[in-house]
Protein backbone atom coordinates (compact mmCIF):
# COMPACT_ATOMS: atom_id res chain seq x y z
CA MET A 1 0.84 -0.02 -0.03
CA ALA A 2 1.08 4.02 -0.86
CA GLY A 3 2.34 5.34 2.39
CA LYS A 4 0.76 8.45 4.00
CA GLY A 5 0.55 11.12 1.57
CA GLU A 6 2.58 9.34 -1.42
CA GLY A 7 -1.26 9.44 -3.54
CA PRO A 8 -2.39 6.30 -5.03
CA ALA A 9 -1.18 3.15 -6.39
CA ILE A 10 -2.11 2.19 -9.81
CA GLY A 11 -2.46 -1.87 -11.08
CA ILE A 12 -0.97 -1.77 -14.40
CA ASP A 13 -1.99 -4.76 -16.83
CA LEU A 14 1.23 -5.34 -19.12
CA GLY A 15 -0.09 -6.66 -21.97
CA THR A 16 1.13 -8.64 -24.99
CA THR A 17 -0.36 -6.68 -27.01
CA TYR A 18 -2.70 -4.61 -25.05
CA SER A 19 -1.87 -2.81 -21.89
CA CYS A 20 -4.81 -0.90 -19.32
CA VAL A 21 -4.15 0.27 -16.15
CA GLY A 22 -6.57 1.06 -13.32
CA VAL A 23 -7.01 2.47 -8.97
CA TRP A 24 -8.89 1.41 -5.95
CA GLN A 25 -11.22 3.99 -5.69
CA HIS A 26 -14.95 4.58 -4.13
CA ASP A 27 -14.67 0.70 -2.75
CA ARG A 28 -13.41 -0.67 -6.11
CA VAL A 29 -11.32 -0.38 -8.70
CA GLU A 30 -12.12 2.28 -11.44
CA ILE A 31 -10.24 0.66 -15.21
CA ILE A 32 -9.24 4.32 -15.97
CA ALA A 33 -9.83 5.00 -19.93
CA ASN A 34 -7.12 6.53 -21.84
CA ASP A 35 -7.07 9.60 -24.13
CA GLN A 36 -9.14 8.48 -27.01
CA GLY A 37 -11.63 6.80 -24.57
CA ASN A 38 -10.37 3.71 -24.72
CA ARG A 39 -9.76 1.33 -21.61
CA THR A 40 -7.34 -0.54 -23.69
CA THR A 41 -3.84 1.09 -25.15
CA PRO A 42 -2.45 -0.48 -27.71
CA SER A 43 1.49 -1.92 -26.55
CA TYR A 44 3.36 -0.46 -29.64
CA VAL A 45 6.16 2.19 -29.72
CA ALA A 46 6.73 3.75 -32.63
CA PHE A 47 9.84 6.36 -33.70
CA THR A 48 9.74 8.75 -36.26
CA ASP A 49 12.14 11.69 -37.98
CA SER A 50 10.69 14.22 -35.11
CA GLU A 51 8.72 12.12 -32.62
CA ARG A 52 8.19 9.13 -30.41
CA LEU A 53 4.13 7.27 -30.69
CA ILE A 54 2.99 5.49 -27.81
CA GLY A 55 0.27 3.57 -27.82
CA ASP A 56 -2.70 4.50 -30.11
CA ALA A 57 -1.18 6.83 -32.26
CA ALA A 58 2.08 4.15 -32.77
CA LYS A 59 -0.57 2.20 -33.90
CA ASN A 60 -2.67 4.03 -36.09
CA GLN A 61 0.65 4.96 -38.03
CA VAL A 62 2.48 1.09 -38.01
CA ALA A 63 1.07 0.67 -41.76
CA MET A 64 2.95 3.83 -43.00
CA ASN A 65 6.14 2.74 -40.63
CA PRO A 66 5.97 -1.01 -40.02
CA MET A 67 9.87 -0.92 -39.35
CA ASN A 68 9.87 1.45 -36.74
CA THR A 69 6.99 0.81 -35.07
CA VAL A 70 7.71 -1.61 -31.86
CA PHE A 71 5.30 -4.08 -30.82
CA ASP A 72 4.97 -8.00 -29.10
CA ALA A 73 8.05 -6.26 -26.61
CA LYS A 74 6.71 -8.60 -24.37
CA ARG A 75 7.65 -11.66 -26.20
CA LEU A 76 11.41 -10.77 -26.05
CA ILE A 77 11.46 -9.57 -22.25
CA GLY A 78 13.78 -12.14 -20.52
CA ARG A 79 14.82 -14.04 -23.57
CA ARG A 80 18.22 -14.82 -25.52
CA VAL A 81 17.98 -13.84 -29.16
CA ASN A 82 19.05 -17.59 -29.23
CA ASP A 83 16.03 -18.87 -28.08
CA THR A 84 13.98 -20.53 -30.23
CA THR A 85 10.69 -18.46 -29.58
CA VAL A 86 12.80 -15.83 -30.36
CA GLN A 87 13.66 -17.15 -33.15
CA SER A 88 10.65 -17.68 -34.80
CA ASP A 89 8.56 -14.57 -33.74
CA ILE A 90 11.65 -12.94 -35.41
CA LYS A 91 10.49 -13.93 -39.14
CA LEU A 92 6.97 -12.52 -38.20
CA TRP A 93 8.08 -8.51 -36.82
CA PRO A 94 8.83 -5.96 -39.93
CA PHE A 95 11.30 -4.47 -37.37
CA LYS A 96 15.07 -5.67 -36.97
CA ILE A 97 15.90 -7.74 -33.77
CA THR A 98 19.41 -7.87 -33.30
CA PRO A 99 22.09 -10.22 -30.35
CA GLY A 100 22.85 -7.22 -27.59
CA PRO A 101 25.51 -8.14 -24.57
CA GLY A 102 24.94 -11.73 -23.78
CA ASP A 103 22.68 -12.33 -26.94
CA LYS A 104 20.44 -10.40 -25.42
CA PRO A 105 18.29 -8.68 -28.32
CA MET A 106 17.97 -5.36 -29.31
CA ILE A 107 15.33 -3.87 -31.51
CA THR A 108 17.20 -1.76 -34.01
CA VAL A 109 14.75 1.13 -34.88
CA GLN A 110 15.45 4.86 -36.77
CA TYR A 111 14.51 7.31 -35.02
CA LYS A 112 15.38 11.73 -35.83
CA GLY A 113 17.47 10.16 -38.46
CA GLU A 114 19.59 7.89 -36.97
CA ASP A 115 20.03 4.12 -35.75
CA LYS A 116 19.22 3.50 -32.77
CA GLN A 117 18.62 0.54 -29.89
CA PHE A 118 16.37 -0.04 -27.43
CA SER A 119 16.31 -3.22 -25.52
CA ALA A 120 12.64 -5.37 -24.56
CA GLU A 121 13.18 -3.44 -20.87
CA GLU A 122 13.72 0.00 -22.61
CA ILE A 123 10.53 -0.84 -25.33
CA SER A 124 8.27 -2.01 -21.94
CA SER A 125 9.22 0.75 -20.13
CA MET A 126 8.08 3.13 -22.69
CA VAL A 127 4.56 1.39 -22.38
CA LEU A 128 4.23 1.55 -18.62
CA ILE A 129 5.50 5.45 -18.62
CA LYS A 130 2.45 6.18 -20.94
CA MET A 131 0.44 3.76 -18.62
CA ARG A 132 1.35 6.08 -15.24
CA GLU A 133 0.56 9.17 -17.26
CA ILE A 134 -3.10 8.08 -18.48
CA ALA A 135 -3.70 7.33 -14.52
CA GLU A 136 -1.92 11.00 -13.71
CA ALA A 137 -4.74 12.84 -16.31
CA TYR A 138 -7.18 10.82 -14.73
CA LEU A 139 -5.92 11.42 -10.66
CA GLY A 140 -4.74 15.08 -11.04
CA ASN A 141 -1.60 14.21 -9.59
CA SER A 142 2.07 12.29 -9.81
CA VAL A 143 1.45 8.44 -9.31
CA LYS A 144 4.56 7.12 -6.67
CA ASN A 145 3.59 3.63 -6.48
CA ALA A 146 2.59 1.01 -9.44
CA VAL A 147 2.15 -2.60 -9.07
CA VAL A 148 2.61 -4.71 -12.40
CA THR A 149 1.33 -7.63 -13.67
CA VAL A 150 3.24 -11.10 -14.64
CA PRO A 151 1.99 -13.70 -16.31
CA ALA A 152 2.34 -16.64 -14.23
CA TYR A 153 4.31 -18.93 -17.04
CA PHE A 154 7.31 -15.84 -16.33
CA ASN A 155 10.13 -17.34 -15.57
CA ASP A 156 12.64 -15.69 -13.35
CA SER A 157 14.62 -13.83 -16.41
CA GLN A 158 11.17 -12.40 -17.35
CA ARG A 159 9.84 -11.54 -14.45
CA GLN A 160 13.41 -9.37 -13.35
CA ALA A 161 13.59 -7.72 -17.17
CA THR A 162 9.63 -6.75 -15.70
CA LYS A 163 10.85 -5.24 -12.70
CA ASP A 164 13.73 -3.82 -14.65
CA ALA A 165 11.18 -2.25 -17.28
CA GLY A 166 9.23 -0.54 -13.87
CA VAL A 167 12.42 0.51 -12.48
CA ILE A 168 13.34 2.14 -15.57
CA ALA A 169 10.17 3.81 -16.04
């Protein structure tokens, strides 16, 4: 629970394709709508020559910018490039995955005219930041505490990587 003066804690369901955020208010959980009026937000991050887009804005431009629009980052979190699941997924994604230090999957995109590499944790943290911003807009104050869902089937590496994404956010 949040300490005195820290404001409410939020709950974030960080999903593979969509994420949502809720808060305990008026003796029940309120799932918060985003700026588009939707209670779920696409877990998409897009990079353009001028900006970074997250959520609906990112998903809405995927057809025009597929190589620089990242989705399904949760499928990479806590895994290695040589993992058979990762190898299968790479064939389905328009964005580029390269091995980083320790065979960690790195997502390569073009952002503001330069090649940039991001880990799955960094992409997930961008989605988490968006979810926190949605909650803050609804609550009218800053949020310092959050609980983030982790699937029961995640291994320790995937759980730790999700925690790392939360720390980055």
